[in-house]
PDB file of N, CA and C in Angstrom:
ATOM      1  N   MET A   1       1.006  -1.095   0.251  1.00  0.00           N
ATOM      2  CA  MET A   1       0.077  -0.241   0.010  1.00  0.00           C
ATOM      3  C   MET A   1       0.804   1.057  -0.425  1.00  0.00           C
ATOM      4  N   PRO A   2       1.030   2.202  -1.230  1.00  0.00           N
ATOM      5  CA  PRO A   2       1.857   3.283  -0.652  1.00  0.00           C
ATOM      6  C   PRO A   2       1.397   4.071   0.330  1.00  0.00           C
ATOM      7  N   ALA A   3       2.342   4.757   0.360  1.00  0.00           N
ATOM      8  CA  ALA A   3       2.898   5.337   2.059  1.00  0.00           C
ATOM      9  C   ALA A   3       1.204   6.700   2.413  1.00  0.00           C
ATOM     10  N   ILE A   4       1.240   7.083   1.147  1.00  0.00           N
ATOM     11  CA  ILE A   4       0.221   8.539   1.233  1.00  0.00           C
ATOM     12  C   ILE A   4      -1.352   8.220   1.599  1.00  0.00           C
ATOM     13  N   LEU A   5      -1.488   6.591   0.665  1.00  0.00           N
ATOM     14  CA  LEU A   5      -2.923   6.518   1.115  1.00  0.00           C
ATOM     15  C   LEU A   5      -2.965   5.434   3.025  1.00  0.00           C
ATOM     16  N   GLY A   6      -1.870   5.657   3.355  1.00  0.00           N
ATOM     17  CA  GLY A   6      -1.469   4.857   4.830  1.00  0.00           C
ATOM     18  C   GLY A   6      -1.559   6.102   5.214  1.00  0.00           C
ATOM     19  N   ARG A   7      -1.371   6.600   5.450  1.00  0.00           N
ATOM     20  CA  ARG A   7      -1.182   8.213   6.177  1.00  0.00           C
ATOM     21  C   ARG A   7      -2.668   9.023   5.831  1.00  0.00           C
ATOM     22  N   ILE A   8      -3.556   8.478   5.006  1.00  0.00           N
ATOM     23  CA  ILE A   8      -5.047   9.164   4.984  1.00  0.00           C
ATOM     24  C   ILE A   8      -6.207   8.077   5.502  1.00  0.00           C
ATOM     25  N   LEU A   9      -5.450   6.751   5.631  1.00  0.00           N
ATOM     26  CA  LEU A   9      -5.996   5.748   6.570  1.00  0.00           C
ATOM     27  C   LEU A   9      -6.053   6.485   7.931  1.00  0.00           C
ATOM     28  N   CYS A  10      -4.759   6.833   8.410  1.00  0.00           N
ATOM     29  CA  CYS A  10      -4.437   7.219   9.966  1.00  0.00           C
ATOM     30  C   CYS A  10      -5.201   7.954  10.094  1.00  0.00           C
ATOM     31  N   PHE A  11      -5.187   8.793   8.857  1.00  0.00           N
ATOM     32  CA  PHE A  11      -6.346  10.510   9.359  1.00  0.00           C
ATOM     33  C   PHE A  11      -7.620  10.033   9.665  1.00  0.00           C
ATOM     34  N   PHE A  12      -8.315   9.212   8.943  1.00  0.00           N
ATOM     35  CA  PHE A  12      -9.558   8.749   9.267  1.00  0.00           C
ATOM     36  C   PHE A  12      -9.640   7.736  10.205  1.00  0.00           C
ATOM     37  N   GLY A  13      -8.968   7.288  11.121  1.00  0.00           N
ATOM     38  CA  GLY A  13      -8.909   6.622  12.395  1.00  0.00           C
ATOM     39  C   GLY A  13      -9.043   4.924  12.052  1.00  0.00           C
ATOM     40  N   LEU A  14      -8.299   4.911  11.022  1.00  0.00           N
ATOM     41  CA  LEU A  14      -7.865   3.582  10.442  1.00  0.00           C
ATOM     42  C   LEU A  14      -6.203   3.110  10.427  1.00  0.00           C
ATOM     43  N   HIS A  15      -5.713   2.889  11.716  1.00  0.00           N
ATOM     44  CA  HIS A  15      -4.767   2.214  11.703  1.00  0.00           C
ATOM     45  C   HIS A  15      -4.235   1.578  11.893  1.00  0.00           C
ATOM     46  N   ASP A  16      -3.071   0.616  12.009  1.00  0.00           N
ATOM     47  CA  ASP A  16      -2.221  -0.245  11.626  1.00  0.00           C
ATOM     48  C   ASP A  16      -1.578  -0.591  12.938  1.00  0.00           C
ATOM     49  N   PHE A  17      -2.042  -1.357  14.034  1.00  0.00           N
ATOM     50  CA  PHE A  17      -1.468  -1.432  14.850  1.00  0.00           C
ATOM     51  C   PHE A  17      -0.990  -2.499  15.506  1.00  0.00           C
ATOM     52  N   ARG A  18      -0.046  -2.343  16.093  1.00  0.00           N
ATOM     53  CA  ARG A  18       0.855  -3.580  16.335  1.00  0.00           C
ATOM     54  C   ARG A  18       1.333  -3.579  18.229  1.00  0.00           C
ATOM     55  N   LEU A  19       1.590  -4.839  19.014  1.00  0.00           N
ATOM     56  CA  LEU A  19       1.212  -4.851  20.032  1.00  0.00           C
ATOM     57  C   LEU A  19       2.711  -4.345  20.282  1.00  0.00           C
ATOM     58  N   ILE A  20       2.914  -4.047  21.301  1.00  0.00           N
ATOM     59  CA  ILE A  20       4.355  -3.168  22.339  1.00  0.00           C
ATOM     60  C   ILE A  20       4.712  -3.998  23.293  1.00  0.00           C
ATOM     61  N   ASP A  21       3.329  -3.830  24.776  1.00  0.00           N
ATOM     62  CA  ASP A  21       3.667  -3.963  25.804  1.00  0.00           C
ATOM     63  C   ASP A  21       2.210  -4.651  26.080  1.00  0.00           C
ATOM     64  N   THR A  22       2.276  -5.722  27.141  1.00  0.00           N
ATOM     65  CA  THR A  22       1.005  -6.571  28.127  1.00  0.00           C
ATOM     66  C   THR A  22       1.306  -6.618  29.345  1.00  0.00           C
ATOM     67  N   THR A  23       0.515  -6.264  30.041  1.00  0.00           N
ATOM     68  CA  THR A  23       0.653  -5.850  31.421  1.00  0.00           C
ATOM     69  C   THR A  23      -0.783  -6.658  31.932  1.00  0.00           C
ATOM     70  N   PHE A  24      -0.666  -8.132  32.790  1.00  0.00           N
ATOM     71  CA  PHE A  24      -1.482  -8.834  33.313  1.00  0.00           C
ATOM     72  C   PHE A  24      -2.201  -8.409  34.416  1.00  0.00           C
ATOM     73  N   GLY A  25      -2.778  -7.908  35.213  1.00  0.00           N
ATOM     74  CA  GLY A  25      -3.697  -7.822  36.469  1.00  0.00           C
ATOM     75  C   GLY A  25      -5.064  -8.054  36.811  1.00  0.00           C
ATOM     76  N   PHE A  26      -5.355  -8.219  37.916  1.00  0.00           N
ATOM     77  CA  PHE A  26      -6.610  -8.987  38.094  1.00  0.00           C
ATOM     78  C   PHE A  26      -7.344  -7.927  39.210  1.00  0.00           C
ATOM     79  N   GLY A  27      -8.784  -8.177  39.331  1.00  0.00           N
ATOM     80  CA  GLY A  27      -9.824  -7.455  39.770  1.00  0.00           C
ATOM     81  C   GLY A  27     -10.315  -6.369  38.698  1.00  0.00           C
ATOM     82  N   ALA A  28     -10.651  -5.280  39.275  1.00  0.00           N
ATOM     83  CA  ALA A  28     -11.457  -4.121  38.476  1.00  0.00           C
ATOM     84  C   ALA A  28     -10.174  -3.545  37.269  1.00  0.00           C
ATOM     85  N   GLY A  29      -9.161  -3.761  37.313  1.00  0.00           N
ATOM     86  CA  GLY A  29      -8.257  -2.439  36.205  1.00  0.00           C
ATOM     87  C   GLY A  29      -8.056  -3.895  35.279  1.00  0.00           C
ATOM     88  N   GLY A  30      -7.789  -5.142  35.723  1.00  0.00           N
ATOM     89  CA  GLY A  30      -7.612  -6.116  34.594  1.00  0.00           C
ATOM     90  C   GLY A  30      -6.198  -5.774  33.779  1.00  0.00           C
ATOM     91  N   GLY A  31      -6.237  -6.213  32.933  1.00  0.00           N
ATOM     92  CA  GLY A  31      -4.844  -6.157  31.748  1.00  0.00           C
ATOM     93  C   GLY A  31      -5.044  -4.829  31.533  1.00  0.00           C
ATOM     94  N   VAL A  32      -3.606  -4.453  30.936  1.00  0.00           N
ATOM     95  CA  VAL A  32      -3.638  -3.112  29.963  1.00  0.00           C
ATOM     96  C   VAL A  32      -1.978  -4.050  29.083  1.00  0.00           C
ATOM     97  N   THR A  33      -2.758  -3.397  27.446  1.00  0.00           N
ATOM     98  CA  THR A  33      -2.209  -3.595  26.656  1.00  0.00           C
ATOM     99  C   THR A  33      -1.637  -1.813  25.952  1.00  0.00           C
ATOM    100  N   ARG A  34      -0.129  -2.111  25.572  1.00  0.00           N
ATOM    101  CA  ARG A  34       0.004  -0.705  24.707  1.00  0.00           C
ATOM    102  C   ARG A  34       0.241  -0.982  23.186  1.00  0.00           C
ATOM    103  N   VAL A  35      -0.377  -0.768  22.412  1.00  0.00           N
ATOM    104  CA  VAL A  35      -0.322  -0.651  21.251  1.00  0.00           C
ATOM    105  C   VAL A  35       0.218   0.441  20.097  1.00  0.00           C
ATOM    106  N   GLN A  36       0.977   0.363  18.852  1.00  0.00           N
ATOM    107  CA  GLN A  36       1.813   1.423  18.361  1.00  0.00           C
ATOM    108  C   GLN A  36       1.166   1.455  16.361  1.00  0.00           C
ATOM    109  N   CYS A  37       0.839   2.132  15.816  1.00  0.00           N
ATOM    110  CA  CYS A  37       0.126   2.797  14.542  1.00  0.00           C
ATOM    111  C   CYS A  37       1.327   1.825  14.108  1.00  0.00           C
ATOM    112  N   GLN A  38       1.686   1.194  13.039  1.00  0.00           N
ATOM    113  CA  GLN A  38       3.065   0.940  12.215  1.00  0.00           C
ATOM    114  C   GLN A  38       3.704   2.152  11.433  1.00  0.00           C
ATOM    115  N   ARG A  39       2.059   2.879  10.746  1.00  0.00           N
ATOM    116  CA  ARG A  39       2.487   3.613   9.721  1.00  0.00           C
ATOM    117  C   ARG A  39       2.560   5.191  10.315  1.00  0.00           C
ATOM    118  N   CYS A  40       1.996   5.470  11.332  1.00  0.00           N
ATOM    119  CA  CYS A  40       2.190   7.131  11.649  1.00  0.00           C
ATOM    120  C   CYS A  40       3.095   6.880  12.995  1.00  0.00           C
ATOM    121  N   GLY A  41       2.842   6.155  14.108  1.00  0.00           N
ATOM    122  CA  GLY A  41       3.680   6.147  15.196  1.00  0.00           C
ATOM    123  C   GLY A  41       2.596   6.184  16.610  1.00  0.00           C
ATOM    124  N   LEU A  42       1.338   6.463  16.106  1.00  0.00           N
ATOM    125  CA  LEU A  42       0.720   6.484  17.304  1.00  0.00           C
ATOM    126  C   LEU A  42       0.551   5.689  18.250  1.00  0.00           C
ATOM    127  N   THR A  43       1.028   6.154  20.007  1.00  0.00           N
ATOM    128  CA  THR A  43       1.054   4.948  20.587  1.00  0.00           C
ATOM    129  C   THR A  43      -0.585   4.927  21.649  1.00  0.00           C
ATOM    130  N   THR A  44      -0.751   4.025  21.940  1.00  0.00           N
ATOM    131  CA  THR A  44      -2.032   4.210  22.725  1.00  0.00           C
ATOM    132  C   THR A  44      -2.018   3.385  23.727  1.00  0.00           C
ATOM    133  N   THR A  45      -2.737   3.118  24.531  1.00  0.00           N
ATOM    134  CA  THR A  45      -3.252   2.008  25.957  1.00  0.00           C
ATOM    135  C   THR A  45      -4.608   1.379  25.760  1.00  0.00           C
ATOM    136  N   ARG A  46      -5.020   0.210  25.704  1.00  0.00           N
ATOM    137  CA  ARG A  46      -6.300  -0.801  26.049  1.00  0.00           C
ATOM    138  C   ARG A  46      -6.494  -1.684  26.997  1.00  0.00           C
ATOM    139  N   SER A  47      -7.305  -1.602  27.040  1.00  0.00           N
ATOM    140  CA  SER A  47      -7.685  -2.186  28.403  1.00  0.00           C
ATOM    141  C   SER A  47      -8.013  -3.769  27.904  1.00  0.00           C
ATOM    142  N   ALA A  48      -7.385  -4.606  28.771  1.00  0.00           N
ATOM    143  CA  ALA A  48      -7.918  -6.274  28.162  1.00  0.00           C
ATOM    144  C   ALA A  48      -8.582  -6.707  28.640  1.00  0.00           C
TER     145      ALA A  48
END
């Protein structure tokens, strides 16, 4: 996929995430995963 098309998809919120880090937990907090977009570099956390 051409780079410009990938950037346009990221602009609209369609990222290509890859898993960076996972933390397991118990209880109300649960686990947390960090993911990063391979195209634009956006890093975010998700509740697992």
